[in-house]
Protein backbone atom coordinates (compact mmCIF):
# COMPACT_ATOMS: atom_id res chain seq x y z
CA MET A 1 29.79 -8.39 -25.63
CA ALA A 2 26.67 -7.24 -23.81
CA ARG A 3 26.91 -6.26 -20.12
CA LEU A 4 25.20 -7.95 -17.25
CA GLY A 5 25.35 -5.05 -14.93
CA PRO A 6 23.78 -1.63 -15.40
CA VAL A 7 25.23 0.88 -17.74
CA ASP A 8 26.35 4.19 -16.18
CA PHE A 9 24.70 7.47 -17.33
CA GLU A 10 28.04 8.65 -18.77
CA ASP A 11 28.62 5.59 -21.06
CA ARG A 12 27.68 6.12 -24.67
CA LEU A 13 26.63 3.03 -26.47
CA THR A 14 25.83 2.57 -30.14
CA LEU A 15 22.40 1.40 -31.46
CA VAL A 16 23.96 -2.21 -31.99
CA GLU A 17 25.35 -2.20 -28.49
CA HIS A 18 22.01 -1.16 -27.09
CA LEU A 19 20.11 -3.90 -29.10
CA ASP A 20 22.73 -6.51 -27.96
CA GLU A 21 22.15 -5.43 -24.39
CA LEU A 22 18.36 -5.58 -24.67
CA ARG A 23 18.69 -9.12 -26.24
CA THR A 24 20.82 -10.23 -23.30
CA ARG A 25 18.51 -8.85 -20.82
CA ILE A 26 15.55 -10.59 -22.54
CA VAL A 27 17.37 -14.02 -22.61
CA ILE A 28 18.16 -13.53 -18.78
CA SER A 29 14.57 -13.01 -17.91
CA ILE A 30 13.41 -15.94 -20.07
CA VAL A 31 15.98 -18.17 -18.52
CA ALA A 32 14.90 -16.84 -14.98
CA TYR A 33 11.17 -17.64 -15.89
CA SER A 34 12.13 -20.96 -17.26
CA VAL A 35 13.86 -21.96 -14.19
CA ALA A 36 11.05 -20.78 -11.93
CA PHE A 37 8.63 -22.59 -14.09
CA GLY A 38 10.55 -25.85 -13.85
CA LEU A 39 10.65 -25.60 -10.16
CA CYS A 40 7.00 -24.74 -9.77
CA PHE A 41 6.02 -27.67 -12.09
CA TRP A 42 8.28 -30.03 -10.20
CA GLN A 43 6.31 -29.02 -7.09
CA ASN A 44 2.99 -28.70 -8.78
CA SER A 45 1.22 -30.83 -6.23
CA ARG A 46 2.25 -28.76 -3.38
CA LEU A 47 1.44 -25.65 -5.42
CA LEU A 48 -2.11 -27.00 -6.03
CA ASP A 49 -2.45 -27.73 -2.24
CA ILE A 50 -1.51 -24.19 -1.44
CA ALA A 51 -4.11 -22.91 -3.88
CA ASN A 52 -6.70 -25.13 -2.50
CA ALA A 53 -6.11 -24.20 1.19
CA PRO A 54 -8.36 -21.16 1.09
CA LEU A 55 -11.34 -23.34 0.11
CA PRO A 56 -13.73 -23.92 3.01
CA GLY A 57 -14.14 -27.44 4.52
CA ASP A 58 -12.86 -30.41 2.52
CA LYS A 59 -13.86 -29.11 -0.92
CA THR A 60 -11.71 -30.07 -3.85
CA PRO A 61 -11.81 -28.60 -7.45
CA ILE A 62 -13.16 -30.98 -9.99
CA THR A 63 -12.22 -31.36 -13.63
CA PHE A 64 -14.62 -32.25 -16.69
CA GLY A 65 -12.16 -32.61 -19.69
CA VAL A 66 -9.68 -35.24 -20.49
CA ALA A 67 -6.79 -32.65 -20.76
CA GLU A 68 -8.15 -30.24 -18.09
CA PRO A 69 -6.04 -31.61 -15.20
CA PHE A 70 -2.86 -31.05 -17.16
CA THR A 71 -3.73 -27.68 -18.73
CA THR A 72 -5.02 -26.27 -15.31
CA THR A 73 -1.84 -27.37 -13.69
CA VAL A 74 0.36 -25.85 -16.44
CA THR A 75 -1.69 -22.46 -16.12
CA ILE A 76 -1.31 -22.19 -12.39
CA THR A 77 2.37 -23.18 -12.60
CA ALA A 78 2.89 -20.34 -15.21
CA TYR A 79 1.39 -17.75 -12.88
CA ALA A 80 3.46 -18.90 -9.93
CA ALA A 81 6.71 -18.86 -12.00
CA LEU A 82 6.00 -15.31 -13.06
CA VAL A 83 5.53 -14.15 -9.44
CA ILE A 84 8.85 -15.93 -8.46
CA ALA A 85 10.70 -14.46 -11.56
CA LEU A 86 9.27 -11.09 -11.30
CA PRO A 87 12.22 -9.52 -9.33
CA VAL A 88 14.78 -10.82 -11.98
CA ILE A 89 12.53 -9.31 -14.73
CA LEU A 90 12.08 -6.03 -13.05
CA TYR A 91 15.87 -5.59 -12.39
CA GLN A 92 16.63 -6.36 -16.12
CA ALA A 93 14.12 -3.79 -17.20
CA TYR A 94 15.55 -1.18 -14.59
CA ALA A 95 19.15 -1.97 -15.74
CA PHE A 96 18.23 -1.45 -19.42
CA VAL A 97 16.72 2.00 -18.73
CA LEU A 98 19.24 3.02 -16.27
CA PRO A 99 21.47 4.98 -18.78
CA ALA A 100 18.62 7.43 -19.38
CA LEU A 101 18.65 8.44 -15.66
CA THR A 102 20.83 11.02 -14.02
CA THR A 103 22.36 10.36 -10.54
CA ARG A 104 19.69 12.60 -9.06
CA GLU A 105 16.83 10.81 -10.87
CA LYS A 106 18.25 7.42 -9.73
CA ARG A 107 18.00 8.48 -6.07
CA VAL A 108 14.32 9.09 -6.60
CA VAL A 109 13.57 5.94 -8.86
CA VAL A 110 15.39 3.30 -7.09
CA PRO A 111 13.19 3.46 -3.81
CA PHE A 112 10.15 3.36 -6.03
CA LEU A 113 11.47 0.23 -7.70
CA MET A 114 12.38 -1.36 -4.53
CA GLY A 115 8.89 -0.68 -3.15
CA VAL A 116 7.00 -2.19 -6.17
CA PRO A 117 7.86 -5.99 -5.48
CA LEU A 118 7.53 -5.46 -1.75
CA LEU A 119 3.95 -3.90 -2.05
CA PHE A 120 3.02 -6.58 -4.56
CA VAL A 121 4.09 -9.46 -2.28
CA ALA A 122 2.25 -7.67 0.61
CA GLY A 123 -0.87 -7.55 -1.57
CA VAL A 124 -0.60 -11.10 -2.57
CA VAL A 125 -0.35 -12.28 1.05
CA PHE A 126 -3.29 -10.02 2.18
CA GLY A 127 -5.22 -11.55 -0.70
CA TYR A 128 -4.31 -15.21 0.18
CA PHE A 129 -4.80 -14.99 3.92
CA VAL A 130 -7.78 -12.47 4.28
CA VAL A 131 -9.70 -11.90 0.94
CA LEU A 132 -9.70 -15.50 -0.47
CA PRO A 133 -10.91 -17.32 2.74
CA ALA A 134 -13.57 -14.81 3.18
CA ALA A 135 -14.75 -14.68 -0.34
CA THR A 136 -14.85 -18.53 -0.95
CA LYS A 137 -16.58 -19.11 2.50
CA PHE A 138 -19.25 -16.45 1.58
CA LEU A 139 -19.85 -17.50 -2.08
CA LEU A 140 -19.73 -21.19 -1.49
CA ASN A 141 -22.06 -21.11 1.45
CA PHE A 142 -24.58 -18.78 -0.02
CA ASN A 143 -27.94 -20.63 -0.48
CA GLN A 144 -25.87 -23.89 -0.37
CA SER A 145 -29.25 -25.84 0.48
CA GLN A 146 -30.64 -24.95 -2.87
CA PHE A 147 -27.70 -25.91 -4.98
CA ASN A 148 -25.48 -28.93 -5.41
CA ILE A 149 -22.28 -26.78 -5.24
CA GLN A 150 -19.13 -28.14 -7.08
CA ILE A 151 -16.10 -26.21 -7.86
CA ARG A 152 -14.60 -26.50 -11.30
CA ALA A 153 -10.80 -26.30 -11.19
CA LYS A 154 -10.44 -24.06 -14.24
CA ASP A 155 -12.87 -21.43 -12.75
CA TYR A 156 -11.48 -21.67 -9.19
CA TYR A 157 -7.85 -21.20 -10.23
CA SER A 158 -8.75 -18.37 -12.56
CA PHE A 159 -10.54 -16.68 -9.63
CA PHE A 160 -7.55 -17.45 -7.34
CA THR A 161 -4.83 -16.01 -9.57
CA LEU A 162 -6.90 -13.03 -10.62
CA THR A 163 -7.77 -12.05 -7.04
CA LEU A 164 -4.11 -12.32 -5.94
CA ALA A 165 -2.84 -10.41 -9.07
CA VAL A 166 -5.34 -7.57 -8.52
CA MET A 167 -4.55 -7.31 -4.80
CA GLY A 168 -0.87 -7.06 -5.64
CA LEU A 169 -1.69 -4.39 -8.15
CA ILE A 170 -3.96 -2.24 -5.81
CA PHE A 171 -1.26 -2.37 -3.13
CA GLN A 172 0.85 -0.26 -5.53
CA LEU A 173 -1.38 2.71 -4.56
CA PRO A 174 1.33 4.42 -2.42
CA ILE A 175 3.76 4.28 -5.18
CA GLY A 176 1.37 5.93 -7.66
CA ILE A 177 0.51 8.59 -5.20
CA LEU A 178 4.10 9.32 -4.37
CA ALA A 179 4.87 9.43 -7.97
CA VAL A 180 2.28 12.09 -8.90
CA THR A 181 3.23 14.27 -5.96
CA ARG A 182 6.95 13.96 -6.66
CA LEU A 183 6.12 15.01 -10.18
CA GLY A 184 4.16 17.91 -8.80
CA ILE A 185 0.89 16.79 -10.61
CA VAL A 186 -0.91 17.09 -7.23
CA THR A 187 0.05 18.17 -3.74
CA PRO A 188 -0.49 16.35 -0.44
CA GLU A 189 -2.78 19.16 0.68
CA GLN A 190 -5.04 18.48 -2.39
CA LEU A 191 -5.04 14.87 -1.66
CA SER A 192 -6.31 15.52 1.91
CA GLN A 193 -8.82 18.08 0.71
CA ASN A 194 -10.31 15.81 -1.72
CA ARG A 195 -10.52 12.70 0.57
CA ARG A 196 -14.16 12.25 0.15
CA TYR A 197 -13.90 11.93 -3.58
CA ALA A 198 -11.15 9.71 -3.38
CA TYR A 199 -13.12 7.50 -0.93
CA VAL A 200 -15.87 7.13 -3.42
CA VAL A 201 -13.53 6.23 -6.27
CA LEU A 202 -11.72 3.56 -4.16
CA ILE A 203 -14.97 2.05 -3.05
CA ILE A 204 -16.10 1.75 -6.73
CA VAL A 205 -12.73 0.24 -7.57
CA ALA A 206 -13.24 -2.28 -4.80
CA ALA A 207 -16.80 -3.03 -6.03
CA LEU A 208 -15.19 -3.91 -9.48
CA LEU A 209 -12.54 -6.17 -8.15
CA PRO A 210 -13.04 -9.98 -8.02
CA GLY A 211 -15.51 -11.40 -5.52
CA THR A 212 -18.80 -9.80 -6.70
CA ASP A 213 -20.09 -10.06 -3.07
CA PRO A 214 -20.50 -7.36 -0.40
CA VAL A 215 -18.27 -9.09 2.07
CA THR A 216 -15.34 -9.37 -0.28
CA MET A 217 -15.92 -5.78 -1.46
CA LEU A 218 -15.82 -4.54 2.16
CA ILE A 219 -12.53 -6.44 2.81
CA GLU A 220 -10.99 -5.10 -0.33
CA ALA A 221 -12.17 -1.65 0.34
CA VAL A 222 -10.49 -1.46 3.82
CA PRO A 223 -6.95 -1.76 2.69
CA LEU A 224 -7.50 0.61 -0.22
CA LEU A 225 -8.68 3.23 2.20
CA LEU A 226 -5.93 2.50 4.69
CA LEU A 227 -3.35 2.64 1.75
CA TYR A 228 -4.69 5.98 0.53
CA GLU A 229 -4.31 7.64 4.09
CA GLY A 230 -0.87 6.05 4.52
CA SER A 231 -0.02 7.41 1.11
CA VAL A 232 -0.98 10.88 2.03
CA ILE A 233 1.22 10.75 5.10
CA LEU A 234 4.11 9.39 3.04
CA ALA A 235 3.50 12.16 0.45
CA ARG A 236 3.75 14.80 3.06
CA MET A 237 7.03 13.36 4.16
CA PHE A 238 8.70 12.30 0.93
CA GLY A 239 6.54 13.27 -1.95
CA ARG A 240 7.45 16.92 -2.29
CA PRO A 241 8.87 17.71 -5.75
CA PRO A 242 12.64 18.56 -5.56
CA GLU A 243 13.50 22.23 -5.17
CA PRO A 244 14.54 23.84 -8.38
CA ALA A 245 18.27 24.77 -8.55
CA PRO A 246 18.80 28.54 -7.89
CA ASP A 247 19.51 30.69 -10.70
CA ARG A 248 23.13 31.21 -11.23
CA ASP A 249 24.64 34.66 -11.28
CA VAL A 250 25.69 36.40 -14.51
CA SER A 251 28.66 34.59 -15.84
CA LEU A 252 32.06 36.16 -15.16
CA SER A 253 32.84 35.56 -18.88
CA GLU A 254 30.43 38.08 -20.06
CA PRO A 255 31.94 41.43 -21.20
CA PRO A 256 31.68 44.35 -18.79
CA PRO A 257 29.12 46.90 -19.47
CA SER A 258 30.19 49.78 -21.80
CA GLY A 259 31.81 52.80 -19.89
CA ALA A 260 33.13 50.44 -17.12
CA ALA A 261 36.67 51.10 -16.07
């Protein structure tokens, strides 16, 4: 019978037991996602109200196809369910790979894994309350006297979900920087010395993010720069690679040198 809890490093499982455990964890992830999907679809009207809140004024997305209201609702429900079920899915993935980690490695990996969903949620919240209102206000009011501006539901919800997902991902920057410093690929000093080049790269990344306008690019670039500076501070505090174990003395079991008494 497959285990629901993590397997210890000392445990030795056969290939069949590993496959059985993998199947169980996939089933648990699917069940968690299905439950989240059902809850989100049950509250799909409220979910759409939340998605429409960043729109300026009293604008409401419109649909053109017969099936578009249903397919659009299902799509945004699926994205919301994935966000809700993400902690369970991440835990199942972590529990499956846990046997490959030693106790020392677990102490390094676990804080990273705990930080991933927290930073993702922080990025989604920032995107929802800061980026989306500013982006929609600027884009939908640009040359508004020259256009009959209507918002297609499919396009808006794609923009909505993509923006939030990207903001959640870019907030993983501290995790990435701490990882490369802990692995010894770069040092905190190198990150500080090459700050100017990092700023250029981050601004380019902000320009490539959803929004396509200077206001949104600026709003997205500011947290990237702040996250980088915060990551450098964290790297100085916690990102040093672990000290190598000191070489052990010559084993007492070795035979004494010739001529010894």
